[in-house]
Amino acid sequence: MQRHLVFVHGRAQHGKDAVALKKEWIISLKAGLAKSGLTLPIPEDQIRFPYYGDTLDQMVKGASAEEAVGIVVRGLPLSPDEQEFFEEYLAELKRATGISDAEVGDALRGLGPLHRGPLNWEWVQAILSVLDKSVPFASGAGVALFTNDVFQYLHRQDLRTVMDNGVRSAFLPGSEAVVVSHSLGTVVAYNVLKNETPANLRVPLFVTLGSPLAISAVKRKLQPVAHPQTVDHWFNAMDERDVVSLYPLTSDHFAVFPQIENLTTVENFTENHHGISGYLSDKE
């Protein structure tokens, strides 16, 4: 059966040229293939790149990046659900990156006389400030923006429907789809594939890169987690320095059957070790 390739991008792609973004992915993939003496096995017009960057930007509260940073980093008013999501995510990030209570305490003192404890907004701001100063390759503002986008996708049905439908429209009838997703795009792609049926779609290979699916606050909103029936084989890759993908998708963190094949030795050369070019150009 004929196959086509579907790329599902992550966050922070608003205002960009979708054609240029697709080209960036293709160039990086070709670089990775060349390391094994391979070339792209299909014409580029059989590669689909559903672009939802502007939709995400326009529909998320605080439409601009600057406003989103203000909402999260400067602690502007959030709903109780938003605050709970950020606090849970930051607590998990704190444990995974080895940030100590002493470091958080020092950051809290720097923020002034504030109520302390894990469930308050100043604690969230302190964690973000420690990330900036103490965790290599992490950015407090970047983590805040990413968390905000993931929250909005998981909690807003209107936004999720638009994004899911955009990805779903990329699948060509009568053709198998190899799906390669990155960052927030792994959450979107997983949700779409889990809700499709093998009668409508066959995916011989599903690739997730820099995926946050194993993070508890994300995973809980996708319950019950399962290996999509549409997918034959699932391959997940991460750089262990990538703070977006805190954990590999192993049975300890994302228990599905059949198990996901994980590669945790990627050396992503991008500044934050999360960029798509650093993943797609990896030899494996």
C-alpha atoms as a PDB file:
ATOM      1  CA  MET A   1       0.000   0.000   0.000  1.00  0.00           C
ATOM      2  CA  GLN A   2       1.125   3.544  -0.716  1.00  0.00           C
ATOM      3  CA  ARG A   3       2.446   5.542   2.243  1.00  0.00           C
ATOM      4  CA  HIS A   4       2.707   9.223   3.030  1.00  0.00           C
ATOM      5  CA  LEU A   5       4.466  11.129   5.807  1.00  0.00           C
ATOM      6  CA  VAL A   6       2.728  13.460   8.257  1.00  0.00           C
ATOM      7  CA  PHE A   7       4.706  15.940  10.374  1.00  0.00           C
ATOM      8  CA  VAL A   8       2.971  17.349  13.486  1.00  0.00           C
ATOM      9  CA  HIS A   9       4.793  20.400  14.850  1.00  0.00           C
ATOM     10  CA  GLY A  10       5.042  21.705  18.401  1.00  0.00           C
ATOM     11  CA  ARG A  11       4.451  25.087  20.042  1.00  0.00           C
ATOM     12  CA  ALA A  12       5.932  28.543  19.324  1.00  0.00           C
ATOM     13  CA  GLN A  13       5.351  28.285  15.568  1.00  0.00           C
ATOM     14  CA  HIS A  14       2.862  31.161  15.231  1.00  0.00           C
ATOM     15  CA  GLY A  15       3.506  33.841  12.646  1.00  0.00           C
ATOM     16  CA  LYS A  16       5.831  31.602  10.659  1.00  0.00           C
ATOM     17  CA  ASP A  17       5.738  30.460   7.053  1.00  0.00           C
ATOM     18  CA  ALA A  18       4.270  26.952   7.023  1.00  0.00           C
ATOM     19  CA  VAL A  19       6.071  26.110   3.756  1.00  0.00           C
ATOM     20  CA  ALA A  20       9.417  27.198   5.211  1.00  0.00           C
ATOM     21  CA  LEU A  21       8.769  25.231   8.412  1.00  0.00           C
ATOM     22  CA  LYS A  22       7.997  22.094   6.417  1.00  0.00           C
ATOM     23  CA  LYS A  23      11.216  22.613   4.456  1.00  0.00           C
ATOM     24  CA  GLU A  24      13.183  22.898   7.715  1.00  0.00           C
ATOM     25  CA  TRP A  25      11.815  19.542   8.858  1.00  0.00           C
ATOM     26  CA  ILE A  26      12.620  17.906   5.523  1.00  0.00           C
ATOM     27  CA  ILE A  27      16.180  19.266   5.434  1.00  0.00           C
ATOM     28  CA  SER A  28      16.826  17.986   8.972  1.00  0.00           C
ATOM     29  CA  LEU A  29      15.330  14.572   8.178  1.00  0.00           C
ATOM     30  CA  LYS A  30      17.477  14.284   5.057  1.00  0.00           C
ATOM     31  CA  ALA A  31      20.556  15.088   7.150  1.00  0.00           C
ATOM     32  CA  GLY A  32      19.672  12.288   9.579  1.00  0.00           C
ATOM     33  CA  LEU A  33      19.011   9.809   6.762  1.00  0.00           C
ATOM     34  CA  ALA A  34      22.311  10.653   5.083  1.00  0.00           C
ATOM     35  CA  LYS A  35      24.192   9.488   8.182  1.00  0.00           C
ATOM     36  CA  SER A  36      23.007   5.968   7.335  1.00  0.00           C
ATOM     37  CA  GLY A  37      23.530   6.338   3.600  1.00  0.00           C
ATOM     38  CA  LEU A  38      19.778   6.760   3.029  1.00  0.00           C
ATOM     39  CA  THR A  39      17.713   9.233   1.049  1.00  0.00           C
ATOM     40  CA  LEU A  40      14.134  10.419   1.411  1.00  0.00           C
ATOM     41  CA  PRO A  41      12.067   7.474   0.129  1.00  0.00           C
ATOM     42  CA  ILE A  42       9.049   9.477  -1.068  1.00  0.00           C
ATOM     43  CA  PRO A  43       8.530  12.699  -3.049  1.00  0.00           C
ATOM     44  CA  GLU A  44       8.271  15.818  -0.931  1.00  0.00           C
ATOM     45  CA  ASP A  45       4.711  16.398  -2.140  1.00  0.00           C
ATOM     46  CA  GLN A  46       3.739  13.237  -0.259  1.00  0.00           C
ATOM     47  CA  ILE A  47       4.802  14.870   3.009  1.00  0.00           C
ATOM     48  CA  ARG A  48       1.938  16.574   4.820  1.00  0.00           C
ATOM     49  CA  PHE A  49       2.507  19.405   7.308  1.00  0.00           C
ATOM     50  CA  PRO A  50      -0.731  20.474   9.030  1.00  0.00           C
ATOM     51  CA  TYR A  51      -0.032  23.933  10.435  1.00  0.00           C
ATOM     52  CA  TYR A  52      -1.973  25.081  13.493  1.00  0.00           C
ATOM     53  CA  GLY A  53       0.505  27.617  14.901  1.00  0.00           C
ATOM     54  CA  ASP A  54      -1.591  30.722  14.243  1.00  0.00           C
ATOM     55  CA  THR A  55      -4.782  29.016  15.430  1.00  0.00           C
ATOM     56  CA  LEU A  56      -3.104  28.099  18.711  1.00  0.00           C
ATOM     57  CA  ASP A  57      -1.720  31.593  19.138  1.00  0.00           C
ATOM     58  CA  GLN A  58      -5.040  33.283  18.405  1.00  0.00           C
ATOM     59  CA  MET A  59      -7.175  31.041  20.614  1.00  0.00           C
ATOM     60  CA  VAL A  60      -4.963  30.717  23.695  1.00  0.00           C
ATOM     61  CA  LYS A  61      -5.618  33.258  26.439  1.00  0.00           C
ATOM     62  CA  GLY A  62      -3.030  36.042  26.220  1.00  0.00           C
ATOM     63  CA  ALA A  63      -2.647  35.651  22.454  1.00  0.00           C
ATOM     64  CA  SER A  64       0.908  36.994  22.185  1.00  0.00           C
ATOM     65  CA  ALA A  65       3.977  35.344  23.635  1.00  0.00           C
ATOM     66  CA  GLU A  66       4.626  38.437  25.744  1.00  0.00           C
ATOM     67  CA  GLU A  67       1.157  38.306  27.266  1.00  0.00           C
ATOM     68  CA  ALA A  68       1.475  34.574  27.966  1.00  0.00           C
ATOM     69  CA  VAL A  69       4.778  35.141  29.746  1.00  0.00           C
ATOM     70  CA  GLY A  70       3.067  37.842  31.794  1.00  0.00           C
ATOM     71  CA  ILE A  71       0.233  35.533  32.751  1.00  0.00           C
ATOM     72  CA  VAL A  72       2.555  32.782  33.913  1.00  0.00           C
ATOM     73  CA  VAL A  73       5.861  34.308  34.991  1.00  0.00           C
ATOM     74  CA  ARG A  74       4.497  37.484  36.573  1.00  0.00           C
ATOM     75  CA  GLY A  75       1.556  35.691  38.106  1.00  0.00           C
ATOM     76  CA  LEU A  76      -1.348  37.526  36.542  1.00  0.00           C
ATOM     77  CA  PRO A  77      -4.769  36.050  37.445  1.00  0.00           C
ATOM     78  CA  LEU A  78      -5.356  32.455  36.400  1.00  0.00           C
ATOM     79  CA  SER A  79      -8.297  30.146  36.861  1.00  0.00           C
ATOM     80  CA  PRO A  80      -8.007  27.575  39.691  1.00  0.00           C
ATOM     81  CA  ASP A  81      -7.606  24.794  37.097  1.00  0.00           C
ATOM     82  CA  GLU A  82      -4.773  26.638  35.361  1.00  0.00           C
ATOM     83  CA  GLN A  83      -2.980  27.324  38.616  1.00  0.00           C
ATOM     84  CA  GLU A  84      -3.331  23.693  39.748  1.00  0.00           C
ATOM     85  CA  PHE A  85      -1.937  22.450  36.417  1.00  0.00           C
ATOM     86  CA  PHE A  86       1.084  24.771  36.570  1.00  0.00           C
ATOM     87  CA  GLU A  87       1.811  23.892  40.187  1.00  0.00           C
ATOM     88  CA  GLU A  88       1.644  20.148  39.552  1.00  0.00           C
ATOM     89  CA  TYR A  89       3.773  20.380  36.431  1.00  0.00           C
ATOM     90  CA  LEU A  90       6.398  22.553  38.148  1.00  0.00           C
ATOM     91  CA  ALA A  91       6.545  20.215  41.160  1.00  0.00           C
ATOM     92  CA  GLU A  92       7.293  17.301  38.826  1.00  0.00           C
ATOM     93  CA  LEU A  93       9.869  19.336  36.928  1.00  0.00           C
ATOM     94  CA  LYS A  94      11.504  20.290  40.238  1.00  0.00           C
ATOM     95  CA  ARG A  95      11.894  16.621  41.198  1.00  0.00           C
ATOM     96  CA  ALA A  96      13.091  15.514  37.775  1.00  0.00           C
ATOM     97  CA  THR A  97      15.725  18.230  37.455  1.00  0.00           C
ATOM     98  CA  GLY A  98      16.985  17.920  41.020  1.00  0.00           C
ATOM     99  CA  ILE A  99      16.105  21.440  42.151  1.00  0.00           C
ATOM    100  CA  SER A 100      16.476  21.532  45.926  1.00  0.00           C
ATOM    101  CA  ASP A 101      14.130  23.024  48.500  1.00  0.00           C
ATOM    102  CA  ALA A 102      16.992  25.282  49.553  1.00  0.00           C
ATOM    103  CA  GLU A 103      17.253  26.729  46.038  1.00  0.00           C
ATOM    104  CA  VAL A 104      13.521  27.386  45.972  1.00  0.00           C
ATOM    105  CA  GLY A 105      13.725  28.970  49.425  1.00  0.00           C
ATOM    106  CA  ASP A 106      16.496  31.297  48.274  1.00  0.00           C
ATOM    107  CA  ALA A 107      14.450  32.294  45.234  1.00  0.00           C
ATOM    108  CA  LEU A 108      11.399  32.937  47.411  1.00  0.00           C
ATOM    109  CA  ARG A 109      13.445  35.232  49.623  1.00  0.00           C
ATOM    110  CA  GLY A 110      14.520  37.068  46.494  1.00  0.00           C
ATOM    111  CA  LEU A 111      10.877  37.630  45.622  1.00  0.00           C
ATOM    112  CA  GLY A 112      10.216  39.315  48.968  1.00  0.00           C
ATOM    113  CA  PRO A 113       8.119  38.422  52.046  1.00  0.00           C
ATOM    114  CA  LEU A 114       5.733  35.844  50.612  1.00  0.00           C
ATOM    115  CA  HIS A 115       3.632  32.973  51.857  1.00  0.00           C
ATOM    116  CA  ARG A 116       5.612  29.757  51.272  1.00  0.00           C
ATOM    117  CA  GLY A 117       4.608  26.244  50.402  1.00  0.00           C
ATOM    118  CA  PRO A 118       4.210  24.122  47.290  1.00  0.00           C
ATOM    119  CA  LEU A 119       0.690  25.272  46.492  1.00  0.00           C
ATOM    120  CA  ASN A 120       0.998  28.997  45.958  1.00  0.00           C
ATOM    121  CA  TRP A 121       1.826  31.172  43.001  1.00  0.00           C
ATOM    122  CA  GLU A 122       5.037  32.608  44.444  1.00  0.00           C
ATOM    123  CA  TRP A 123       6.392  29.044  44.681  1.00  0.00           C
ATOM    124  CA  VAL A 124       5.720  28.615  40.954  1.00  0.00           C
ATOM    125  CA  GLN A 125       7.557  31.846  40.176  1.00  0.00           C
ATOM    126  CA  ALA A 126      10.474  30.722  42.361  1.00  0.00           C
ATOM    127  CA  ILE A 127      10.792  27.430  40.473  1.00  0.00           C
ATOM    128  CA  LEU A 128      10.846  29.305  37.159  1.00  0.00           C
ATOM    129  CA  SER A 129      13.554  31.639  38.424  1.00  0.00           C
ATOM    130  CA  VAL A 130      15.683  28.704  39.631  1.00  0.00           C
ATOM    131  CA  LEU A 131      15.322  27.071  36.203  1.00  0.00           C
ATOM    132  CA  ASP A 132      16.748  30.223  34.627  1.00  0.00           C
ATOM    133  CA  LYS A 133      19.734  30.310  36.973  1.00  0.00           C
ATOM    134  CA  SER A 134      20.518  26.707  37.876  1.00  0.00           C
ATOM    135  CA  VAL A 135      19.287  24.247  35.271  1.00  0.00           C
ATOM    136  CA  PRO A 136      21.406  24.171  32.109  1.00  0.00           C
ATOM    137  CA  PHE A 137      19.522  24.680  28.835  1.00  0.00           C
ATOM    138  CA  ALA A 138      16.228  25.499  30.611  1.00  0.00           C
ATOM    139  CA  SER A 139      14.347  28.782  30.347  1.00  0.00           C
ATOM    140  CA  GLY A 140      11.728  29.690  32.925  1.00  0.00           C
ATOM    141  CA  ALA A 141       9.797  31.740  30.374  1.00  0.00           C
ATOM    142  CA  GLY A 142      10.023  28.941  27.779  1.00  0.00           C
ATOM    143  CA  VAL A 143       8.739  26.358  30.247  1.00  0.00           C
ATOM    144  CA  ALA A 144       5.917  28.698  31.271  1.00  0.00           C
ATOM    145  CA  LEU A 145       4.830  29.271  27.674  1.00  0.00           C
ATOM    146  CA  PHE A 146       5.005  25.589  26.836  1.00  0.00           C
ATOM    147  CA  THR A 147       2.987  24.667  29.934  1.00  0.00           C
ATOM    148  CA  ASN A 148       0.390  27.282  29.086  1.00  0.00           C
ATOM    149  CA  ASP A 149      -0.075  25.953  25.543  1.00  0.00           C
ATOM    150  CA  VAL A 150      -0.335  22.343  26.738  1.00  0.00           C
ATOM    151  CA  PHE A 151      -2.884  23.349  29.374  1.00  0.00           C
ATOM    152  CA  GLN A 152      -5.021  25.190  26.846  1.00  0.00           C
ATOM    153  CA  TYR A 153      -4.992  22.246  24.432  1.00  0.00           C
ATOM    154  CA  LEU A 154      -5.917  19.743  27.139  1.00  0.00           C
ATOM    155  CA  HIS A 155      -8.611  21.833  28.827  1.00  0.00           C
ATOM    156  CA  ARG A 156     -10.285  23.774  26.007  1.00  0.00           C
ATOM    157  CA  GLN A 157     -12.537  21.621  23.868  1.00  0.00           C
ATOM    158  CA  ASP A 158     -12.927  24.325  21.192  1.00  0.00           C
ATOM    159  CA  LEU A 159      -9.171  24.683  20.727  1.00  0.00           C
ATOM    160  CA  ARG A 160      -8.583  20.928  20.829  1.00  0.00           C
ATOM    161  CA  THR A 161     -11.267  20.284  18.208  1.00  0.00           C
ATOM    162  CA  VAL A 162      -9.804  22.818  15.772  1.00  0.00           C
ATOM    163  CA  MET A 163      -6.247  21.505  16.183  1.00  0.00           C
ATOM    164  CA  ASP A 164      -7.273  17.838  16.027  1.00  0.00           C
ATOM    165  CA  ASN A 165      -9.347  18.402  12.901  1.00  0.00           C
ATOM    166  CA  GLY A 166      -6.433  20.165  11.237  1.00  0.00           C
ATOM    167  CA  VAL A 167      -4.115  17.216  11.904  1.00  0.00           C
ATOM    168  CA  ARG A 168      -6.791  14.697  10.915  1.00  0.00           C
ATOM    169  CA  SER A 169      -7.258  16.435   7.564  1.00  0.00           C
ATOM    170  CA  ALA A 170      -3.627  15.711   6.665  1.00  0.00           C
ATOM    171  CA  PHE A 171      -4.228  11.963   6.343  1.00  0.00           C
ATOM    172  CA  LEU A 172      -4.717  10.844   2.759  1.00  0.00           C
ATOM    173  CA  PRO A 173      -7.534   8.339   2.122  1.00  0.00           C
ATOM    174  CA  GLY A 174      -6.350   4.950   0.891  1.00  0.00           C
ATOM    175  CA  SER A 175      -2.747   5.549   1.989  1.00  0.00           C
ATOM    176  CA  GLU A 176      -0.897   4.485   5.139  1.00  0.00           C
ATOM    177  CA  ALA A 177       0.516   7.350   7.209  1.00  0.00           C
ATOM    178  CA  VAL A 178       3.881   7.465   8.945  1.00  0.00           C
ATOM    179  CA  VAL A 179       3.427  10.130  11.638  1.00  0.00           C
ATOM    180  CA  VAL A 180       6.365  12.101  13.085  1.00  0.00           C
ATOM    181  CA  SER A 181       5.475  14.495  15.897  1.00  0.00           C
ATOM    182  CA  HIS A 182       7.366  16.883  18.157  1.00  0.00           C
ATOM    183  CA  SER A 183       6.791  18.494  21.567  1.00  0.00           C
ATOM    184  CA  LEU A 184       3.164  19.625  21.995  1.00  0.00           C
ATOM    185  CA  GLY A 185       2.562  17.993  18.611  1.00  0.00           C
ATOM    186  CA  THR A 186       3.121  14.569  20.201  1.00  0.00           C
ATOM    187  CA  VAL A 187       0.155  15.209  22.510  1.00  0.00           C
ATOM    188  CA  VAL A 188      -2.006  16.346  19.600  1.00  0.00           C
ATOM    189  CA  ALA A 189      -0.963  13.448  17.359  1.00  0.00           C
ATOM    190  CA  TYR A 190      -1.461  10.891  20.130  1.00  0.00           C
ATOM    191  CA  ASN A 191      -4.936  12.205  20.899  1.00  0.00           C
ATOM    192  CA  VAL A 192      -5.930  12.123  17.229  1.00  0.00           C
ATOM    193  CA  LEU A 193      -4.554   8.618  16.612  1.00  0.00           C
ATOM    194  CA  LYS A 194      -6.096   7.220  19.800  1.00  0.00           C
ATOM    195  CA  ASN A 195      -9.509   8.380  18.644  1.00  0.00           C
ATOM    196  CA  GLU A 196      -9.242   6.984  15.107  1.00  0.00           C
ATOM    197  CA  THR A 197     -10.085   3.409  14.085  1.00  0.00           C
ATOM    198  CA  PRO A 198      -7.968   1.000  12.017  1.00  0.00           C
ATOM    199  CA  ALA A 199     -10.782   0.922   9.475  1.00  0.00           C
ATOM    200  CA  ASN A 200     -10.208   4.632   8.776  1.00  0.00           C
ATOM    201  CA  LEU A 201      -6.441   4.929   9.220  1.00  0.00           C
ATOM    202  CA  ARG A 202      -3.347   2.725   9.287  1.00  0.00           C
ATOM    203  CA  VAL A 203      -0.142   4.039  10.844  1.00  0.00           C
ATOM    204  CA  PRO A 204       2.761   1.573  10.460  1.00  0.00           C
ATOM    205  CA  LEU A 205       5.046   3.901  12.444  1.00  0.00           C
ATOM    206  CA  PHE A 206       4.314   6.644  14.981  1.00  0.00           C
ATOM    207  CA  VAL A 207       7.353   8.700  16.045  1.00  0.00           C
ATOM    208  CA  THR A 208       7.318  11.044  19.061  1.00  0.00           C
ATOM    209  CA  LEU A 209      10.235  13.439  19.657  1.00  0.00           C
ATOM    210  CA  GLY A 210      10.775  15.491  22.814  1.00  0.00           C
ATOM    211  CA  SER A 211       7.406  14.342  24.116  1.00  0.00           C
ATOM    212  CA  PRO A 212       5.769  15.489  27.385  1.00  0.00           C
ATOM    213  CA  LEU A 213       3.223  12.635  27.339  1.00  0.00           C
ATOM    214  CA  ALA A 214       4.688  10.984  30.461  1.00  0.00           C
ATOM    215  CA  ILE A 215       4.261  14.102  32.637  1.00  0.00           C
ATOM    216  CA  SER A 216       1.558  13.324  35.202  1.00  0.00           C
ATOM    217  CA  ALA A 217      -0.510  16.477  34.676  1.00  0.00           C
ATOM    218  CA  VAL A 218      -0.592  15.762  30.928  1.00  0.00           C
ATOM    219  CA  LYS A 219      -1.113  12.013  31.175  1.00  0.00           C
ATOM    220  CA  ARG A 220      -4.058  12.348  33.548  1.00  0.00           C
ATOM    221  CA  LYS A 221      -6.040  14.412  31.032  1.00  0.00           C
ATOM    222  CA  LEU A 222      -5.534  11.715  28.388  1.00  0.00           C
ATOM    223  CA  GLN A 223      -6.776   8.802  30.487  1.00  0.00           C
ATOM    224  CA  PRO A 224      -7.101   5.994  29.805  1.00  0.00           C
ATOM    225  CA  VAL A 225      -3.695   5.885  28.121  1.00  0.00           C
ATOM    226  CA  ALA A 226      -3.435   3.210  25.452  1.00  0.00           C
ATOM    227  CA  HIS A 227      -1.422   2.208  22.425  1.00  0.00           C
ATOM    228  CA  PRO A 228      -3.552   3.603  19.562  1.00  0.00           C
ATOM    229  CA  GLN A 229      -5.189   0.767  17.648  1.00  0.00           C
ATOM    230  CA  THR A 230      -4.290   2.557  14.436  1.00  0.00           C
ATOM    231  CA  VAL A 231      -0.533   2.314  15.206  1.00  0.00           C
ATOM    232  CA  ASP A 232       1.628  -0.740  14.486  1.00  0.00           C
ATOM    233  CA  HIS A 233       4.912   0.481  16.019  1.00  0.00           C
ATOM    234  CA  TRP A 234       5.613   3.459  18.280  1.00  0.00           C
ATOM    235  CA  PHE A 235       9.132   4.905  18.480  1.00  0.00           C
ATOM    236  CA  ASN A 236       9.959   7.636  21.023  1.00  0.00           C
ATOM    237  CA  ALA A 237      13.227   9.590  21.141  1.00  0.00           C
ATOM    238  CA  MET A 238      14.525  12.178  23.596  1.00  0.00           C
ATOM    239  CA  ASP A 239      17.624  13.990  24.747  1.00  0.00           C
ATOM    240  CA  GLU A 240      17.860  13.482  28.520  1.00  0.00           C
ATOM    241  CA  ARG A 241      18.728  17.181  28.868  1.00  0.00           C
ATOM    242  CA  ASP A 242      15.407  18.181  27.267  1.00  0.00           C
ATOM    243  CA  VAL A 243      13.249  19.536  30.112  1.00  0.00           C
ATOM    244  CA  VAL A 244      10.066  19.253  28.036  1.00  0.00           C
ATOM    245  CA  SER A 245      10.342  15.467  27.819  1.00  0.00           C
ATOM    246  CA  LEU A 246      11.122  14.712  31.443  1.00  0.00           C
ATOM    247  CA  TYR A 247      10.781  10.941  31.099  1.00  0.00           C
ATOM    248  CA  PRO A 248      10.997   8.274  28.413  1.00  0.00           C
ATOM    249  CA  LEU A 249       7.713   6.621  27.477  1.00  0.00           C
ATOM    250  CA  THR A 250       8.565   3.392  29.298  1.00  0.00           C
ATOM    251  CA  SER A 251       6.253   1.158  31.320  1.00  0.00           C
ATOM    252  CA  ASP A 252       7.267   3.099  34.462  1.00  0.00           C
ATOM    253  CA  HIS A 253       5.948   6.356  33.052  1.00  0.00           C
ATOM    254  CA  PHE A 254       3.529   5.581  30.203  1.00  0.00           C
ATOM    255  CA  ALA A 255       2.262   2.041  30.512  1.00  0.00           C
ATOM    256  CA  VAL A 256       0.775   0.857  27.221  1.00  0.00           C
ATOM    257  CA  PHE A 257       0.864  -2.457  25.360  1.00  0.00           C
ATOM    258  CA  PRO A 258       2.606  -3.182  23.119  1.00  0.00           C
ATOM    259  CA  GLN A 259       5.404  -1.226  24.742  1.00  0.00           C
ATOM    260  CA  ILE A 260       6.918   1.830  23.083  1.00  0.00           C
ATOM    261  CA  GLU A 261      10.470   1.611  21.753  1.00  0.00           C
ATOM    262  CA  ASN A 262      12.530   4.346  23.427  1.00  0.00           C
ATOM    263  CA  LEU A 263      15.791   6.006  22.429  1.00  0.00           C
ATOM    264  CA  THR A 264      17.194   8.249  25.176  1.00  0.00           C
ATOM    265  CA  THR A 265      20.693   8.857  23.792  1.00  0.00           C
ATOM    266  CA  VAL A 266      19.875  11.600  21.292  1.00  0.00           C
ATOM    267  CA  GLU A 267      22.407  14.443  21.441  1.00  0.00           C
ATOM    268  CA  ASN A 268      20.189  17.301  20.363  1.00  0.00           C
ATOM    269  CA  PHE A 269      22.526  20.126  19.315  1.00  0.00           C
ATOM    270  CA  THR A 270      19.945  22.919  19.591  1.00  0.00           C
ATOM    271  CA  GLU A 271      20.328  25.494  22.357  1.00  0.00           C
ATOM    272  CA  ASN A 272      17.658  24.010  24.630  1.00  0.00           C
ATOM    273  CA  HIS A 273      18.183  20.414  23.436  1.00  0.00           C
ATOM    274  CA  HIS A 274      14.518  20.374  22.363  1.00  0.00           C
ATOM    275  CA  GLY A 275      14.554  21.794  18.826  1.00  0.00           C
ATOM    276  CA  ILE A 276      13.169  19.671  15.997  1.00  0.00           C
ATOM    277  CA  SER A 277      16.299  19.999  13.848  1.00  0.00           C
ATOM    278  CA  GLY A 278      18.363  18.365  16.587  1.00  0.00           C
ATOM    279  CA  TYR A 279      15.985  15.410  16.696  1.00  0.00           C
ATOM    280  CA  LEU A 280      15.340  14.784  13.013  1.00  0.00           C
ATOM    281  CA  SER A 281      19.034  14.995  12.092  1.00  0.00           C
ATOM    282  CA  ASP A 282      19.902  12.235  14.595  1.00  0.00           C
ATOM    283  CA  LYS A 283      21.139   9.104  12.825  1.00  0.00           C
ATOM    284  CA  GLU A 284      18.724   6.702  14.564  1.00  0.00           C
END
